[in-house]
Amino acid sequence: MAGPQDEAEETQRALINAAMVASDVPCSDVWLRYFALGGALDDFDLDAFFAGLMSLPLAECNLVAEAVNELIAEQPPRPKAPHRNGPPLPPETCGRGDVLDELLRQWLFGTTS
């Protein structure tokens, strides 16, 4: 049975993998950055960690996460959905509308038009 630490590591591993996939960061780049940051594992051990075959101490897991985050931060910004300019909306569609105005008037003043 997995303990809380094992579950926390597995969650961190899954989120690291998800971030790498979503950002198209290859394992080889992660290992190079991880090693440059002072990581002690070789690339085979890191591959085993990513596959869930090997457990890592907390400090090493966090160093892997830092390597991934640095690589993601270096990527160019992703394209965003553009807005487009158009003609202004007609007045009847811009505000609350006649129905809401009438309901508000009735509620505030107890009157109808």
N, C-alpha and C. Protein backbone atom coordinates (compact mmCIF):
# COMPACT_ATOMS: atom_id res chain seq x y z
N MET A 1 0.84 -1.18 0.00
CA MET A 1 0.00 0.00 0.00
C MET A 1 0.89 1.24 0.00
N ALA A 2 0.54 2.18 -0.83
CA ALA A 2 1.34 3.39 -0.94
C ALA A 2 1.01 4.34 0.20
N GLY A 3 2.06 4.94 0.75
CA GLY A 3 1.86 5.90 1.82
C GLY A 3 1.68 7.30 1.27
N PRO A 4 1.43 8.27 2.16
CA PRO A 4 1.22 9.64 1.71
C PRO A 4 2.40 10.21 0.92
N GLN A 5 3.62 9.84 1.34
CA GLN A 5 4.79 10.34 0.62
C GLN A 5 4.84 9.77 -0.79
N ASP A 6 4.52 8.47 -0.92
CA ASP A 6 4.50 7.85 -2.25
C ASP A 6 3.45 8.49 -3.14
N GLU A 7 2.27 8.78 -2.56
CA GLU A 7 1.21 9.42 -3.33
C GLU A 7 1.62 10.83 -3.75
N ALA A 8 2.27 11.55 -2.85
CA ALA A 8 2.72 12.91 -3.18
C ALA A 8 3.76 12.87 -4.29
N GLU A 9 4.67 11.90 -4.22
CA GLU A 9 5.69 11.79 -5.27
C GLU A 9 5.04 11.41 -6.60
N GLU A 10 4.08 10.49 -6.56
CA GLU A 10 3.41 10.08 -7.79
C GLU A 10 2.63 11.23 -8.40
N THR A 11 1.99 12.03 -7.57
CA THR A 11 1.28 13.21 -8.07
C THR A 11 2.25 14.19 -8.70
N GLN A 12 3.37 14.44 -8.02
CA GLN A 12 4.37 15.35 -8.56
C GLN A 12 4.92 14.81 -9.88
N ARG A 13 5.21 13.52 -9.94
CA ARG A 13 5.73 12.91 -11.16
C ARG A 13 4.72 13.09 -12.31
N ALA A 14 3.45 12.81 -12.03
CA ALA A 14 2.42 12.93 -13.06
C ALA A 14 2.30 14.37 -13.56
N LEU A 15 2.38 15.33 -12.64
CA LEU A 15 2.27 16.73 -13.05
C LEU A 15 3.50 17.20 -13.81
N ILE A 16 4.67 16.71 -13.43
CA ILE A 16 5.89 17.02 -14.18
C ILE A 16 5.77 16.47 -15.59
N ASN A 17 5.36 15.21 -15.70
CA ASN A 17 5.19 14.61 -17.03
C ASN A 17 4.17 15.37 -17.86
N ALA A 18 3.06 15.76 -17.23
CA ALA A 18 2.02 16.51 -17.95
C ALA A 18 2.55 17.85 -18.45
N ALA A 19 3.33 18.53 -17.62
CA ALA A 19 3.91 19.82 -18.02
C ALA A 19 4.88 19.63 -19.18
N MET A 20 5.66 18.56 -19.13
CA MET A 20 6.61 18.30 -20.22
C MET A 20 5.89 18.01 -21.53
N VAL A 21 4.84 17.21 -21.46
CA VAL A 21 4.08 16.87 -22.67
C VAL A 21 3.39 18.11 -23.22
N ALA A 22 2.72 18.87 -22.34
CA ALA A 22 1.99 20.06 -22.78
C ALA A 22 2.91 21.10 -23.40
N SER A 23 4.14 21.16 -22.92
CA SER A 23 5.08 22.16 -23.40
C SER A 23 6.08 21.61 -24.40
N ASP A 24 5.95 20.33 -24.73
CA ASP A 24 6.83 19.69 -25.70
C ASP A 24 8.30 19.79 -25.28
N VAL A 25 8.56 19.49 -24.01
CA VAL A 25 9.92 19.51 -23.47
C VAL A 25 10.44 18.08 -23.44
N PRO A 26 11.50 17.77 -24.19
CA PRO A 26 12.01 16.39 -24.22
C PRO A 26 12.80 16.04 -22.95
N CYS A 27 12.79 14.76 -22.63
CA CYS A 27 13.51 14.26 -21.45
C CYS A 27 14.99 14.61 -21.50
N SER A 28 15.57 14.55 -22.69
CA SER A 28 17.01 14.83 -22.80
C SER A 28 17.32 16.26 -22.38
N ASP A 29 16.45 17.20 -22.74
CA ASP A 29 16.66 18.60 -22.33
C ASP A 29 16.50 18.75 -20.82
N VAL A 30 15.53 18.02 -20.27
CA VAL A 30 15.32 18.09 -18.82
C VAL A 30 16.55 17.56 -18.10
N TRP A 31 17.09 16.43 -18.57
CA TRP A 31 18.26 15.88 -17.90
C TRP A 31 19.43 16.85 -17.96
N LEU A 32 19.67 17.46 -19.12
CA LEU A 32 20.78 18.41 -19.23
C LEU A 32 20.62 19.57 -18.26
N ARG A 33 19.41 20.11 -18.18
CA ARG A 33 19.18 21.24 -17.26
C ARG A 33 19.27 20.77 -15.81
N TYR A 34 18.69 19.63 -15.52
CA TYR A 34 18.73 19.05 -14.17
C TYR A 34 20.19 18.85 -13.74
N PHE A 35 21.00 18.30 -14.61
CA PHE A 35 22.41 18.06 -14.31
C PHE A 35 23.14 19.39 -14.10
N ALA A 36 22.83 20.39 -14.94
CA ALA A 36 23.45 21.70 -14.81
C ALA A 36 23.08 22.37 -13.49
N LEU A 37 21.90 22.05 -12.97
CA LEU A 37 21.46 22.61 -11.69
C LEU A 37 22.05 21.87 -10.49
N GLY A 38 22.81 20.81 -10.76
CA GLY A 38 23.45 20.06 -9.68
C GLY A 38 22.83 18.71 -9.40
N GLY A 39 21.95 18.25 -10.27
CA GLY A 39 21.32 16.94 -10.09
C GLY A 39 22.34 15.82 -10.17
N ALA A 40 22.10 14.76 -9.40
CA ALA A 40 23.07 13.67 -9.29
C ALA A 40 22.73 12.46 -10.14
N LEU A 41 21.55 12.40 -10.72
CA LEU A 41 21.14 11.21 -11.48
C LEU A 41 21.66 11.25 -12.90
N ASP A 42 21.85 10.05 -13.48
CA ASP A 42 22.17 10.02 -14.91
C ASP A 42 20.86 9.99 -15.69
N ASP A 43 20.97 10.06 -17.01
CA ASP A 43 19.76 10.14 -17.84
C ASP A 43 18.90 8.89 -17.76
N PHE A 44 19.51 7.72 -17.54
CA PHE A 44 18.74 6.48 -17.42
C PHE A 44 17.89 6.49 -16.14
N ASP A 45 18.48 6.97 -15.05
CA ASP A 45 17.73 7.07 -13.80
C ASP A 45 16.57 8.05 -13.93
N LEU A 46 16.82 9.15 -14.61
CA LEU A 46 15.75 10.13 -14.79
C LEU A 46 14.62 9.56 -15.65
N ASP A 47 14.98 8.82 -16.69
CA ASP A 47 13.96 8.14 -17.50
C ASP A 47 13.15 7.16 -16.66
N ALA A 48 13.83 6.44 -15.76
CA ALA A 48 13.13 5.50 -14.87
C ALA A 48 12.18 6.25 -13.94
N PHE A 49 12.60 7.41 -13.47
CA PHE A 49 11.71 8.22 -12.62
C PHE A 49 10.48 8.65 -13.41
N PHE A 50 10.68 9.14 -14.63
CA PHE A 50 9.54 9.58 -15.44
C PHE A 50 8.57 8.43 -15.71
N ALA A 51 9.10 7.23 -15.85
CA ALA A 51 8.27 6.06 -16.13
C ALA A 51 7.63 5.49 -14.87
N GLY A 52 7.98 6.03 -13.71
CA GLY A 52 7.41 5.53 -12.46
C GLY A 52 8.10 4.29 -11.95
N LEU A 53 9.28 3.99 -12.45
CA LEU A 53 10.01 2.79 -12.05
C LEU A 53 10.99 3.04 -10.92
N MET A 54 11.21 4.31 -10.60
CA MET A 54 12.22 4.65 -9.60
C MET A 54 11.71 5.83 -8.77
N SER A 55 11.93 5.74 -7.49
CA SER A 55 11.56 6.81 -6.58
C SER A 55 12.75 7.74 -6.38
N LEU A 56 12.48 9.00 -6.13
CA LEU A 56 13.55 9.97 -5.89
C LEU A 56 13.33 10.66 -4.56
N PRO A 57 14.43 11.07 -3.92
CA PRO A 57 14.29 11.91 -2.72
C PRO A 57 13.60 13.23 -3.09
N LEU A 58 12.97 13.83 -2.11
CA LEU A 58 12.23 15.07 -2.33
C LEU A 58 13.06 16.14 -3.02
N ALA A 59 14.30 16.33 -2.57
CA ALA A 59 15.15 17.37 -3.16
C ALA A 59 15.41 17.11 -4.64
N GLU A 60 15.59 15.85 -5.02
CA GLU A 60 15.83 15.52 -6.43
C GLU A 60 14.56 15.73 -7.26
N CYS A 61 13.40 15.34 -6.69
CA CYS A 61 12.12 15.59 -7.39
C CYS A 61 11.93 17.08 -7.65
N ASN A 62 12.22 17.87 -6.64
CA ASN A 62 12.06 19.31 -6.80
C ASN A 62 13.06 19.90 -7.78
N LEU A 63 14.25 19.32 -7.85
CA LEU A 63 15.24 19.78 -8.82
C LEU A 63 14.80 19.44 -10.25
N VAL A 64 14.20 18.28 -10.42
CA VAL A 64 13.64 17.92 -11.74
C VAL A 64 12.54 18.90 -12.11
N ALA A 65 11.65 19.20 -11.16
CA ALA A 65 10.57 20.15 -11.41
C ALA A 65 11.13 21.52 -11.78
N GLU A 66 12.17 21.94 -11.09
CA GLU A 66 12.80 23.24 -11.39
C GLU A 66 13.38 23.24 -12.80
N ALA A 67 14.03 22.16 -13.18
CA ALA A 67 14.60 22.06 -14.53
C ALA A 67 13.49 22.18 -15.58
N VAL A 68 12.39 21.47 -15.37
CA VAL A 68 11.27 21.54 -16.32
C VAL A 68 10.70 22.95 -16.36
N ASN A 69 10.49 23.56 -15.20
CA ASN A 69 9.93 24.91 -15.16
C ASN A 69 10.83 25.92 -15.85
N GLU A 70 12.13 25.80 -15.68
CA GLU A 70 13.05 26.72 -16.36
C GLU A 70 12.97 26.56 -17.87
N LEU A 71 12.90 25.31 -18.33
CA LEU A 71 12.80 25.08 -19.77
C LEU A 71 11.49 25.62 -20.34
N ILE A 72 10.42 25.46 -19.59
CA ILE A 72 9.13 25.99 -20.04
C ILE A 72 9.18 27.52 -20.09
N ALA A 73 9.80 28.13 -19.08
CA ALA A 73 9.88 29.59 -19.02
C ALA A 73 10.68 30.17 -20.18
N GLU A 74 11.60 29.40 -20.73
CA GLU A 74 12.42 29.88 -21.84
C GLU A 74 11.71 29.78 -23.19
N GLN A 75 10.60 29.10 -23.23
CA GLN A 75 9.89 28.94 -24.50
C GLN A 75 9.22 30.26 -24.90
N PRO A 76 9.09 30.46 -26.20
CA PRO A 76 8.38 31.67 -26.63
C PRO A 76 6.92 31.60 -26.20
N PRO A 77 6.30 32.75 -26.03
CA PRO A 77 4.89 32.73 -25.63
C PRO A 77 4.04 32.01 -26.68
N ARG A 78 3.03 31.33 -26.20
CA ARG A 78 2.13 30.63 -27.11
C ARG A 78 1.18 31.63 -27.75
N PRO A 79 0.74 31.34 -28.98
CA PRO A 79 -0.21 32.25 -29.61
C PRO A 79 -1.52 32.29 -28.83
N LYS A 80 -2.13 33.45 -28.82
CA LYS A 80 -3.40 33.61 -28.12
C LYS A 80 -4.50 33.89 -29.14
N ALA A 81 -5.71 33.63 -28.75
CA ALA A 81 -6.85 33.88 -29.62
C ALA A 81 -7.03 35.38 -29.78
N PRO A 82 -7.14 35.85 -31.03
CA PRO A 82 -7.27 37.29 -31.24
C PRO A 82 -8.71 37.77 -31.02
N HIS A 83 -8.82 39.00 -30.61
CA HIS A 83 -10.12 39.68 -30.59
C HIS A 83 -10.27 40.39 -31.93
N ARG A 84 -11.47 40.78 -32.24
CA ARG A 84 -11.63 41.52 -33.48
C ARG A 84 -12.54 42.69 -33.24
N ASN A 85 -12.25 43.77 -33.95
CA ASN A 85 -13.06 44.97 -33.85
C ASN A 85 -14.25 44.85 -34.78
N GLY A 86 -15.34 45.39 -34.37
CA GLY A 86 -16.54 45.36 -35.19
C GLY A 86 -17.38 46.58 -34.88
N PRO A 87 -18.51 46.68 -35.54
CA PRO A 87 -19.37 47.82 -35.27
C PRO A 87 -19.93 47.72 -33.84
N PRO A 88 -20.22 48.85 -33.23
CA PRO A 88 -20.77 48.81 -31.88
C PRO A 88 -22.13 48.12 -31.87
N LEU A 89 -22.45 47.52 -30.75
CA LEU A 89 -23.74 46.85 -30.62
C LEU A 89 -24.85 47.90 -30.54
N PRO A 90 -26.02 47.58 -31.06
CA PRO A 90 -27.14 48.53 -30.94
C PRO A 90 -27.50 48.73 -29.47
N PRO A 91 -28.04 49.89 -29.13
CA PRO A 91 -28.33 50.20 -27.72
C PRO A 91 -29.20 49.16 -27.03
N GLU A 92 -30.14 48.55 -27.72
CA GLU A 92 -31.03 47.60 -27.05
C GLU A 92 -30.31 46.33 -26.63
N THR A 93 -29.12 46.06 -27.16
CA THR A 93 -28.39 44.87 -26.75
C THR A 93 -27.25 45.18 -25.80
N CYS A 94 -26.98 46.47 -25.56
CA CYS A 94 -25.84 46.84 -24.73
C CYS A 94 -26.15 46.85 -23.24
N GLY A 95 -27.33 47.30 -22.87
CA GLY A 95 -27.64 47.47 -21.46
C GLY A 95 -28.37 46.27 -20.90
N ARG A 96 -29.10 46.54 -19.83
CA ARG A 96 -29.84 45.49 -19.16
C ARG A 96 -31.04 45.05 -19.99
N GLY A 97 -31.52 45.92 -20.86
CA GLY A 97 -32.68 45.58 -21.67
C GLY A 97 -33.96 46.09 -21.03
N ASP A 98 -34.99 46.21 -21.84
CA ASP A 98 -36.26 46.75 -21.37
C ASP A 98 -36.87 45.92 -20.26
N VAL A 99 -36.80 44.61 -20.38
CA VAL A 99 -37.41 43.74 -19.37
C VAL A 99 -36.74 43.94 -18.02
N LEU A 100 -35.43 43.97 -18.00
CA LEU A 100 -34.73 44.17 -16.73
C LEU A 100 -34.96 45.57 -16.18
N ASP A 101 -34.99 46.57 -17.07
CA ASP A 101 -35.29 47.93 -16.61
C ASP A 101 -36.66 47.99 -15.94
N GLU A 102 -37.64 47.34 -16.56
CA GLU A 102 -38.99 47.33 -16.00
C GLU A 102 -39.02 46.60 -14.66
N LEU A 103 -38.37 45.46 -14.56
CA LEU A 103 -38.33 44.73 -13.30
C LEU A 103 -37.64 45.54 -12.21
N LEU A 104 -36.57 46.22 -12.55
CA LEU A 104 -35.86 47.05 -11.59
C LEU A 104 -36.73 48.21 -11.14
N ARG A 105 -37.42 48.83 -12.06
CA ARG A 105 -38.32 49.95 -11.74
C ARG A 105 -39.43 49.46 -10.79
N GLN A 106 -39.99 48.30 -11.07
CA GLN A 106 -41.05 47.76 -10.21
C GLN A 106 -40.51 47.46 -8.82
N TRP A 107 -39.35 46.90 -8.76
CA TRP A 107 -38.77 46.52 -7.47
C TRP A 107 -38.42 47.76 -6.64
N LEU A 108 -37.81 48.76 -7.29
CA LEU A 108 -37.38 49.95 -6.57
C LEU A 108 -38.55 50.86 -6.19
N PHE A 109 -39.46 51.05 -7.12
CA PHE A 109 -40.48 52.07 -6.92
C PHE A 109 -41.90 51.50 -6.78
N GLY A 110 -42.05 50.22 -6.99
CA GLY A 110 -43.37 49.62 -6.91
C GLY A 110 -44.32 50.10 -7.98
N THR A 111 -43.76 50.55 -9.09
CA THR A 111 -44.60 51.06 -10.18
C THR A 111 -44.33 50.30 -11.45
N THR A 112 -45.23 50.41 -12.38
CA THR A 112 -45.05 49.87 -13.72
C THR A 112 -45.21 50.99 -14.72
N SER A 113 -44.66 50.83 -15.87
CA SER A 113 -44.77 51.88 -16.87
C SER A 113 -45.93 51.64 -17.79
